[in-house]
Amino acid sequence: MNKLVQFVKESYAELRKVIWPGRDDVVSSVKVVIISTVMVAAVLGLIDVLLLFGIRLAF
């Protein structure tokens, strides 16, 4: 039980050291992730369409 209490105390102490991001940082990071996801999806969709077109021409 002592180890558990010590673990919780140390975990709490470490969490107090963390510098949490502000709202602006989180919002800008989310925008980057959404834009990147849309761009990758568009590129993969284009590749898929081109491959499908090429396969239909071949057969």
C-alpha atoms as a PDB file:
ATOM      1  CA  MET A   1       0.000   0.000   0.000  1.00  0.00           C
ATOM      2  CA  ASN A   2       2.916   2.345   0.719  1.00  0.00           C
ATOM      3  CA  LYS A   3       4.201   1.929  -2.832  1.00  0.00           C
ATOM      4  CA  LEU A   4       0.793   2.870  -4.224  1.00  0.00           C
ATOM      5  CA  VAL A   5       0.616   6.014  -2.090  1.00  0.00           C
ATOM      6  CA  GLN A   6       4.173   6.928  -3.071  1.00  0.00           C
ATOM      7  CA  PHE A   7       3.346   6.372  -6.745  1.00  0.00           C
ATOM      8  CA  VAL A   8       0.288   8.644  -6.566  1.00  0.00           C
ATOM      9  CA  LYS A   9       2.270  11.372  -4.780  1.00  0.00           C
ATOM     10  CA  GLU A  10       5.091  11.216  -7.325  1.00  0.00           C
ATOM     11  CA  SER A  11       2.658  11.198 -10.234  1.00  0.00           C
ATOM     12  CA  TYR A  12       0.895  14.260  -8.840  1.00  0.00           C
ATOM     13  CA  ALA A  13       4.244  16.023  -8.380  1.00  0.00           C
ATOM     14  CA  GLU A  14       5.235  15.293 -11.986  1.00  0.00           C
ATOM     15  CA  LEU A  15       1.893  16.518 -13.313  1.00  0.00           C
ATOM     16  CA  ARG A  16       2.423  19.817 -11.488  1.00  0.00           C
ATOM     17  CA  LYS A  17       5.590  20.318 -13.577  1.00  0.00           C
ATOM     18  CA  VAL A  18       3.775  19.963 -16.895  1.00  0.00           C
ATOM     19  CA  ILE A  19       3.248  23.122 -18.915  1.00  0.00           C
ATOM     20  CA  TRP A  20      -0.204  22.595 -20.408  1.00  0.00           C
ATOM     21  CA  PRO A  21      -0.905  24.184 -23.816  1.00  0.00           C
ATOM     22  CA  GLY A  22      -3.251  27.137 -24.007  1.00  0.00           C
ATOM     23  CA  ARG A  23      -6.475  27.268 -25.943  1.00  0.00           C
ATOM     24  CA  ASP A  24      -4.849  29.028 -28.916  1.00  0.00           C
ATOM     25  CA  ASP A  25      -2.146  26.363 -29.192  1.00  0.00           C
ATOM     26  CA  VAL A  26      -4.705  23.559 -29.103  1.00  0.00           C
ATOM     27  CA  VAL A  27      -6.941  25.229 -31.703  1.00  0.00           C
ATOM     28  CA  SER A  28      -4.037  25.828 -34.091  1.00  0.00           C
ATOM     29  CA  SER A  29      -2.832  22.230 -33.667  1.00  0.00           C
ATOM     30  CA  VAL A  30      -6.317  20.903 -34.390  1.00  0.00           C
ATOM     31  CA  LYS A  31      -6.491  23.053 -37.540  1.00  0.00           C
ATOM     32  CA  VAL A  32      -3.178  21.634 -38.747  1.00  0.00           C
ATOM     33  CA  VAL A  33      -4.360  18.071 -38.138  1.00  0.00           C
ATOM     34  CA  ILE A  34      -7.691  18.608 -39.923  1.00  0.00           C
ATOM     35  CA  ILE A  35      -6.077  20.314 -42.931  1.00  0.00           C
ATOM     36  CA  SER A  36      -3.399  17.606 -43.174  1.00  0.00           C
ATOM     37  CA  THR A  37      -6.019  14.867 -42.969  1.00  0.00           C
ATOM     38  CA  VAL A  38      -8.109  16.436 -45.731  1.00  0.00           C
ATOM     39  CA  MET A  39      -5.055  16.885 -47.955  1.00  0.00           C
ATOM     40  CA  VAL A  40      -3.900  13.281 -47.508  1.00  0.00           C
ATOM     41  CA  ALA A  41      -7.438  12.030 -48.148  1.00  0.00           C
ATOM     42  CA  ALA A  42      -7.615  14.090 -51.356  1.00  0.00           C
ATOM     43  CA  VAL A  43      -4.273  12.775 -52.612  1.00  0.00           C
ATOM     44  CA  LEU A  44      -5.193   9.175 -51.837  1.00  0.00           C
ATOM     45  CA  GLY A  45      -8.596   9.655 -53.492  1.00  0.00           C
ATOM     46  CA  LEU A  46      -6.930  11.046 -56.604  1.00  0.00           C
ATOM     47  CA  ILE A  47      -4.491   8.128 -56.714  1.00  0.00           C
ATOM     48  CA  ASP A  48      -7.403   5.711 -56.320  1.00  0.00           C
ATOM     49  CA  VAL A  49      -9.330   7.317 -59.183  1.00  0.00           C
ATOM     50  CA  LEU A  50      -6.283   7.310 -61.450  1.00  0.00           C
ATOM     51  CA  LEU A  51      -5.516   3.659 -60.706  1.00  0.00           C
ATOM     52  CA  LEU A  52      -9.147   2.702 -61.290  1.00  0.00           C
ATOM     53  CA  PHE A  53      -9.118   4.578 -64.605  1.00  0.00           C
ATOM     54  CA  GLY A  54      -5.874   2.844 -65.619  1.00  0.00           C
ATOM     55  CA  ILE A  55      -7.231  -0.610 -64.740  1.00  0.00           C
ATOM     56  CA  ARG A  56     -10.418   0.014 -66.720  1.00  0.00           C
ATOM     57  CA  LEU A  57      -8.363   1.073 -69.743  1.00  0.00           C
ATOM     58  CA  ALA A  58      -6.214  -2.053 -69.488  1.00  0.00           C
ATOM     59  CA  PHE A  59      -9.139  -4.433 -69.330  1.00  0.00           C
END
